[in-house]
Protein backbone atom coordinates (compact mmCIF):
# COMPACT_ATOMS: atom_id res chain seq x y z
CA MET A 1 165.09 113.41 161.66
CA SER A 2 168.60 113.25 163.08
CA GLY A 3 171.62 114.11 161.03
CA VAL A 4 169.97 116.80 158.96
CA PRO A 5 172.67 119.24 157.84
CA ASN A 6 172.39 122.96 158.40
CA LEU A 7 170.54 124.56 155.53
CA GLN A 8 172.39 127.08 153.43
CA PHE A 9 170.13 129.40 151.50
CA GLY A 10 170.99 129.58 147.85
CA GLY A 11 172.26 126.01 147.61
CA SER A 12 171.21 122.39 147.59
CA VAL A 13 171.69 119.79 150.31
CA ARG A 14 171.26 116.05 150.54
CA PHE A 15 170.11 114.22 153.62
CA PRO A 16 172.40 111.48 155.02
CA GLY A 17 170.87 108.11 154.27
CA PHE A 18 168.44 109.60 151.75
CA GLU A 19 170.85 110.49 148.96
CA ASN A 20 168.91 108.58 146.35
CA ILE A 21 165.40 109.57 147.29
CA ALA A 22 165.36 113.09 148.65
CA LYS A 23 166.85 116.39 147.70
CA LEU A 24 166.03 119.73 149.24
CA LYS A 25 166.58 122.90 147.30
CA VAL A 26 166.41 126.18 149.15
CA TRP A 27 166.41 129.54 147.43
CA HIS A 28 166.59 132.89 149.13
CA SER A 29 165.41 135.99 147.32
CA GLY A 30 165.01 139.20 149.28
CA LEU A 31 162.68 138.46 152.17
CA THR A 32 161.12 135.40 150.59
CA ASN A 33 162.26 131.79 150.91
CA PHE A 34 161.36 129.07 148.46
CA PHE A 35 161.27 125.41 149.44
CA LYS A 36 160.95 122.54 147.05
CA ILE A 37 161.38 118.87 147.85
CA TYR A 38 161.58 116.20 145.17
CA SER A 39 160.27 113.19 147.02
CA TYR A 40 157.16 111.60 148.39
CA HIS A 41 159.04 110.67 151.55
CA GLN A 42 158.29 112.59 154.70
CA ILE A 43 161.17 114.64 155.98
CA GLU A 44 161.03 117.15 158.79
CA ILE A 45 163.49 120.01 158.69
CA SER A 46 164.23 122.98 160.89
CA ALA A 47 165.64 126.19 159.52
CA GLN A 48 166.63 129.61 160.72
CA ALA A 49 165.39 132.15 158.21
CA PRO A 50 166.75 135.70 158.12
CA GLY A 51 164.27 138.54 158.13
CA LYS A 52 160.58 138.17 157.53
CA PHE A 53 159.13 135.06 156.01
CA SER A 54 156.26 134.61 153.62
CA PHE A 55 155.09 131.44 151.95
CA PRO A 56 154.99 132.79 148.40
CA TRP A 57 152.56 131.88 145.71
CA PHE A 58 155.49 130.61 143.65
CA VAL A 59 155.55 127.54 145.87
CA TRP A 60 152.12 126.76 144.51
CA LYS A 61 153.03 126.86 140.84
CA HIS A 62 153.03 123.07 140.59
CA PRO A 63 149.65 121.84 141.82
CA GLY A 64 149.91 118.89 139.48
CA ASP A 65 152.69 117.55 141.70
CA ALA A 66 150.19 116.70 144.42
CA LEU A 67 151.16 119.67 146.56
CA HIS A 68 149.53 119.87 149.95
CA SER A 69 148.37 116.27 149.92
CA GLY A 70 146.48 115.89 153.15
CA ILE A 71 148.10 118.79 154.96
CA ARG A 72 145.58 118.82 157.80
CA ARG A 73 146.09 115.12 158.42
CA GLY A 74 149.84 115.31 158.80
CA ARG A 75 150.81 113.55 155.60
CA THR A 76 153.23 116.30 154.61
CA GLN A 77 156.45 117.25 156.31
CA SER A 78 156.59 120.44 158.29
CA VAL A 79 158.97 123.33 157.95
CA ARG A 80 159.40 125.04 161.29
CA SER A 81 160.72 128.54 160.78
CA CYS A 82 161.89 130.83 163.56
CA PHE A 83 162.56 134.47 162.87
CA PRO A 84 164.23 137.40 164.59
CA THR A 85 160.97 139.37 164.48
CA ARG A 86 158.43 136.74 165.42
CA THR A 87 157.77 133.02 165.63
CA VAL A 88 155.09 131.85 163.28
CA GLY A 89 155.04 128.22 164.35
CA THR A 90 154.64 125.35 161.96
CA ARG A 91 154.48 125.95 158.24
CA TYR A 92 153.93 123.30 155.64
CA ALA A 93 155.52 122.66 152.29
CA GLY A 94 154.18 120.16 149.83
CA LEU A 95 156.07 117.05 148.81
CA PHE A 96 156.73 117.32 145.10
CA PRO A 97 157.52 114.28 142.97
CA ASN A 98 160.55 114.81 140.80
CA PRO A 99 159.34 115.93 137.36
CA GLY A 100 159.74 112.98 135.06
CA SER A 101 159.42 110.45 137.89
CA GLY A 102 155.76 109.76 137.30
CA GLY A 103 154.26 112.64 139.24
CA PHE A 104 151.10 114.41 138.20
CA GLN A 105 151.40 117.22 135.69
CA LYS A 106 148.99 120.13 135.37
CA MET A 107 147.12 118.64 132.43
CA ASP A 108 146.78 115.34 134.31
CA VAL A 109 145.08 117.09 137.21
CA ILE A 110 142.73 118.99 134.89
CA ILE A 111 141.72 115.77 133.14
CA ILE A 112 141.23 113.92 136.43
CA GLY A 113 139.13 116.79 137.79
CA LEU A 114 137.00 116.81 134.64
CA ILE A 115 136.47 113.04 134.75
CA ALA A 116 135.62 113.07 138.46
CA SER A 117 133.09 115.89 138.12
CA THR A 118 131.56 114.10 135.12
CA LEU A 119 131.13 110.89 137.12
CA ALA A 120 129.63 112.85 140.01
CA GLY A 121 127.16 114.42 137.58
CA ILE A 122 126.27 111.08 135.99
CA ALA A 123 125.35 109.83 139.47
CA THR A 124 122.27 112.04 139.14
CA GLY A 125 121.05 109.81 136.34
CA VAL A 126 122.00 106.67 138.25
CA GLY A 127 119.91 107.86 141.17
CA ALA A 128 116.95 108.31 138.82
CA LEU A 129 116.98 104.66 137.69
CA PRO A 130 114.49 103.50 140.37
CA ALA A 131 111.94 105.56 138.43
CA LEU A 132 111.88 102.64 135.98
CA PHE A 133 110.14 100.58 138.64
CA PHE A 134 108.26 103.12 140.79
CA LYS A 135 105.97 105.96 139.82
CA ASN A 136 106.29 107.60 143.21
CA VAL A 137 108.10 107.28 146.51
CA PRO A 138 106.54 108.16 149.89
CA ASP A 139 107.33 111.71 150.93
CA LYS A 140 108.96 110.59 154.18
CA ILE A 141 111.44 108.42 152.27
CA LEU A 142 112.23 111.06 149.66
CA ASN A 143 112.61 113.78 152.30
CA THR A 144 114.92 111.56 154.35
CA MET A 145 117.03 110.88 151.27
CA LEU A 146 117.21 114.56 150.38
CA GLY A 147 118.07 115.35 154.00
CA GLY A 148 120.92 112.86 153.77
CA ALA A 149 122.08 114.60 150.59
CA ALA A 150 122.06 117.93 152.44
CA GLY A 151 124.11 116.38 155.26
CA VAL A 152 126.67 115.05 152.81
CA MET A 153 126.95 118.47 151.18
CA LEU A 154 127.28 120.17 154.56
CA ALA A 155 130.11 117.87 155.67
CA ALA A 156 131.87 118.17 152.31
CA THR A 157 131.61 121.94 152.55
CA SER A 158 133.02 121.97 156.07
CA PHE A 159 135.85 119.43 155.87
CA SER A 160 136.82 119.45 152.20
CA LEU A 161 136.35 123.12 151.32
CA ILE A 162 136.34 125.50 154.30
CA VAL A 163 139.09 123.91 156.42
CA PRO A 164 141.50 123.37 153.50
CA GLY A 165 140.66 126.85 152.23
CA ILE A 166 141.80 128.42 155.49
CA GLU A 167 144.96 126.29 155.53
CA HIS A 168 145.87 127.12 151.94
CA GLY A 169 145.11 130.78 152.58
CA ASP A 170 147.44 130.86 155.59
CA LEU A 171 150.20 129.29 153.52
CA ILE A 172 149.94 131.74 150.66
CA TRP A 173 149.08 134.81 152.75
CA PRO A 174 150.21 133.96 156.31
CA GLY A 175 147.68 134.95 158.95
CA ASN A 176 145.01 135.97 156.45
CA GLY A 177 143.51 132.63 155.48
CA VAL A 178 140.32 133.05 157.48
CA TYR A 179 139.64 136.49 155.99
CA ILE A 180 140.08 135.17 152.46
CA VAL A 181 137.69 132.31 153.17
CA VAL A 182 135.09 134.59 154.74
CA PHE A 183 135.20 136.86 151.70
CA GLY A 184 135.06 133.95 149.26
CA MET A 185 132.13 132.29 151.03
CA LEU A 186 130.09 135.48 151.07
CA LEU A 187 130.93 136.07 147.41
CA GLY A 188 129.80 132.56 146.49
CA ALA A 189 126.53 132.92 148.39
CA VAL A 190 125.78 136.33 146.87
CA CYS A 191 126.48 135.04 143.34
CA LEU A 192 124.10 132.09 143.83
CA ASP A 193 121.49 134.42 145.28
CA ARG A 194 121.69 136.70 142.24
CA ILE A 195 121.47 133.76 139.84
CA ASP A 196 118.55 132.39 141.84
CA ASN A 197 116.71 135.68 141.39
CA TRP A 198 117.62 136.32 137.77
CA LEU A 199 116.74 132.89 136.37
CA PRO A 200 113.15 131.65 136.46
CA HIS A 201 112.96 128.18 137.94
CA GLU A 202 110.57 125.77 139.57
CA HIS A 203 110.82 123.99 142.91
CA PHE A 204 109.36 120.52 143.11
CA LEU A 205 107.54 121.17 146.37
CA MET A 206 107.65 124.94 146.84
CA GLY A 207 106.52 126.05 143.38
CA HIS A 208 107.66 128.78 141.03
CA GLU A 209 110.36 131.26 141.98
CA GLY A 210 112.02 134.06 140.05
CA PRO A 211 110.72 136.23 137.19
CA ALA A 212 107.59 135.19 135.34
CA SER A 213 108.42 132.98 132.40
CA SER A 214 106.61 131.20 129.59
CA LEU A 215 109.23 128.47 129.48
CA LYS A 216 107.86 124.97 129.64
CA LYS A 217 107.74 123.58 133.15
CA ILE A 218 110.32 120.94 132.37
CA TRP A 219 112.96 123.55 131.57
CA LEU A 220 112.13 125.38 134.76
CA PHE A 221 112.96 122.13 136.52
CA VAL A 222 116.19 121.83 134.56
CA ILE A 223 117.19 125.40 135.44
CA ALA A 224 116.53 124.75 139.12
CA ILE A 225 118.76 121.69 139.21
CA THR A 226 121.39 123.45 137.12
CA ILE A 227 121.59 126.14 139.79
CA HIS A 228 122.19 123.38 142.34
CA ASN A 229 124.68 121.31 140.38
CA PHE A 230 127.03 123.93 138.97
CA PRO A 231 128.63 124.87 142.32
CA GLU A 232 128.89 121.18 143.20
CA GLY A 233 130.91 120.53 140.05
CA LEU A 234 132.96 123.63 140.81
CA ALA A 235 133.72 122.22 144.26
CA VAL A 236 134.96 118.92 142.81
CA GLY A 237 137.16 120.72 140.30
CA VAL A 238 138.66 123.04 142.90
CA GLY A 239 139.22 120.05 145.20
CA PHE A 240 141.34 118.30 142.58
CA GLY A 241 142.99 121.56 141.56
CA SER A 242 144.34 121.90 145.10
CA GLY A 243 146.66 119.00 144.31
CA ASP A 244 145.17 116.89 147.09
CA ILE A 245 143.86 113.92 145.11
CA ASN A 246 142.38 112.32 148.22
CA ALA A 247 140.38 115.43 149.06
CA GLY A 248 139.21 115.72 145.48
CA THR A 249 138.15 112.07 145.47
CA SER A 250 136.29 112.50 148.75
CA LEU A 251 134.42 115.49 147.34
CA ALA A 252 133.58 113.69 144.11
CA VAL A 253 132.28 110.59 145.90
CA GLY A 254 130.31 112.64 148.41
CA ILE A 255 128.70 114.86 145.80
CA GLY A 256 127.99 111.83 143.63
CA LEU A 257 126.17 110.22 146.56
CA GLN A 258 124.08 113.31 147.24
CA ASN A 259 123.26 113.61 143.53
CA MET A 260 121.55 110.23 143.52
CA PRO A 261 118.46 111.11 145.60
CA GLU A 262 118.35 114.42 143.75
CA GLY A 263 118.12 112.52 140.47
CA LEU A 264 115.18 110.53 141.78
CA ALA A 265 113.56 113.73 143.03
CA VAL A 266 113.82 115.11 139.49
CA ALA A 267 112.59 112.02 137.65
CA LEU A 268 109.49 111.16 139.68
CA PRO A 269 107.69 114.52 139.26
CA LEU A 270 108.46 114.44 135.54
CA ILE A 271 106.76 111.06 135.23
CA GLY A 272 103.81 112.55 137.07
CA LEU A 273 103.72 115.35 134.49
CA GLY A 274 103.36 112.84 131.67
CA TYR A 275 106.94 112.26 130.57
CA SER A 276 108.00 108.67 129.88
CA ARG A 277 110.26 106.92 132.37
CA TRP A 278 113.27 107.07 130.07
CA GLN A 279 112.62 110.70 129.22
CA ALA A 280 112.52 111.50 132.93
CA ILE A 281 115.76 109.61 133.58
CA GLY A 282 117.40 111.29 130.59
CA ILE A 283 116.43 114.76 131.79
CA ALA A 284 117.64 113.95 135.31
CA THR A 285 120.97 112.84 133.84
CA LEU A 286 121.14 116.01 131.75
CA THR A 287 120.77 118.20 134.83
CA GLY A 288 123.82 116.49 136.34
CA LEU A 289 125.95 117.10 133.28
CA VAL A 290 126.41 120.75 134.16
CA GLU A 291 128.77 119.55 136.89
CA PRO A 292 131.62 118.81 134.45
CA VAL A 293 131.32 122.41 133.26
CA GLY A 294 131.78 123.69 136.80
CA GLY A 295 134.45 121.06 137.44
CA LEU A 296 136.48 122.04 134.39
CA LEU A 297 136.23 125.73 135.27
CA GLY A 298 137.28 125.12 138.87
CA VAL A 299 140.19 122.77 138.27
CA THR A 300 141.55 124.84 135.38
CA ALA A 301 141.41 128.14 137.27
CA VAL A 302 143.19 126.96 140.41
CA THR A 303 145.67 124.77 138.51
CA LEU A 304 146.83 127.50 136.15
CA PHE A 305 146.75 130.27 138.75
CA HIS A 306 147.21 128.58 142.11
CA PRO A 307 147.03 131.69 144.34
CA VAL A 308 143.26 131.78 143.75
CA LEU A 309 142.91 128.31 145.31
CA PRO A 310 141.78 129.50 148.79
CA LEU A 311 139.29 131.87 147.18
CA GLY A 312 138.04 129.11 144.88
CA LEU A 313 137.54 126.69 147.77
CA ALA A 314 135.71 129.37 149.75
CA PHE A 315 133.56 130.43 146.80
CA ALA A 316 132.45 126.84 146.22
CA ALA A 317 131.76 126.45 149.96
CA GLY A 318 129.60 129.57 150.08
CA ALA A 319 127.67 128.54 146.98
CA MET A 320 127.01 125.07 148.37
CA LEU A 321 125.93 126.41 151.76
CA PHE A 322 123.48 128.69 149.98
CA VAL A 323 122.00 125.74 148.09
CA ILE A 324 121.73 123.67 151.29
CA SER A 325 120.02 126.39 153.30
CA ASP A 326 117.90 128.04 150.62
CA GLU A 327 116.86 125.05 148.54
CA ILE A 328 117.37 121.55 149.89
CA ILE A 329 116.51 121.82 153.60
CA PRO A 330 113.34 123.92 153.04
CA GLU A 331 112.21 121.38 150.43
CA THR A 332 112.59 118.50 152.88
CA HIS A 333 110.60 120.32 155.59
CA SER A 334 107.67 121.32 153.41
CA LYS A 335 105.35 118.34 153.91
CA GLY A 336 105.40 117.75 157.64
CA LYS A 337 108.21 115.16 157.65
CA SER A 338 110.87 117.43 159.08
CA ARG A 339 112.00 115.08 161.87
CA LEU A 340 112.97 112.32 159.45
CA ALA A 341 114.65 114.85 157.19
CA THR A 342 116.63 116.18 160.16
CA PHE A 343 117.91 112.70 160.99
CA GLY A 344 118.70 112.30 157.31
CA VAL A 345 120.90 115.39 157.53
CA MET A 346 122.69 113.96 160.57
CA ILE A 347 123.25 110.57 158.94
CA GLY A 348 124.50 112.13 155.71
CA PHE A 349 126.83 114.42 157.64
CA VAL A 350 128.48 111.65 159.69
CA ILE A 351 128.80 109.37 156.65
CA MET A 352 130.59 112.09 154.69
CA MET A 353 132.72 113.03 157.70
CA ALA A 354 133.83 109.41 158.12
CA MET A 355 134.44 108.99 154.40
CA ASP A 356 136.47 112.20 154.28
CA ASN A 357 138.78 110.86 156.97
CA LEU A 358 138.97 107.33 155.57
CA LEU A 359 139.79 108.50 152.07
CA GLY A 360 142.21 111.05 153.51
């Protein structure tokens, strides 16, 4: 943008022509620079910064102000910083709405994240509703649907968790984003693996897994789906906690879609075990209601302590990848219908990829 005045650290400047809508405040403290813009308008600035530069975690103290809304899609302005020691290229700062001007506050984001994860969980029960009319569904159809669910989860993990996790990590700890995400993903996978081994549960097609248990079969089913759904709710919560409402919405819609065939996969075997149709649908819905628990935990953690955001995104990604690889895909390949399930994965992946970009 032409006419941008030279920035003076320690003061405030107004942009010619934007006096009523934009105000840039720049603080300088030691070797750290703090940028905060009160506007949703896109403004590109260039600045010469003395000494070394780090994008501090303090910048991330206001996730409720929709910080980092669509950073990878260019919807935020860039801050290009050149330094005597090195050139780090393009850095990004979020566009903050002026407090009191209608922008999101922390509690707003927590509530939205909780509602979104609840709706995604309820989709499990919605997906079980066809059980009112059918006692069973052909394996090839169910496997294709579950494959599509796996594809949706895989795309959501890739585009809504891993990529933003690296970007957020690079902003908070420049140059180290990928290492943070690698660590977080491995941590998430290991945690799910330990839970998978500690808790007895039952697979619909693969049978019993975990320690021997005298629990009724139905609760083994519930435990199995709980293991699946908790990290999904966590992912939705972390997505909204990032401040990117579009990304959070994309995650919630995608996970809600993949929950629907999972709900049917829960309800139909229960009917076969002698449970009534409404009991089966109720239990399927119950298994989805662990997602708000994960959602509340995720959105609260990264909203109140934003530096953990990259780790939270990566943890959710690792947990979801574990579920996809260890649970869902093997289930869909267990009855000789693997080709249809594979195409289901592809279709689910491209649908979620397109939706992620459209919503973004």
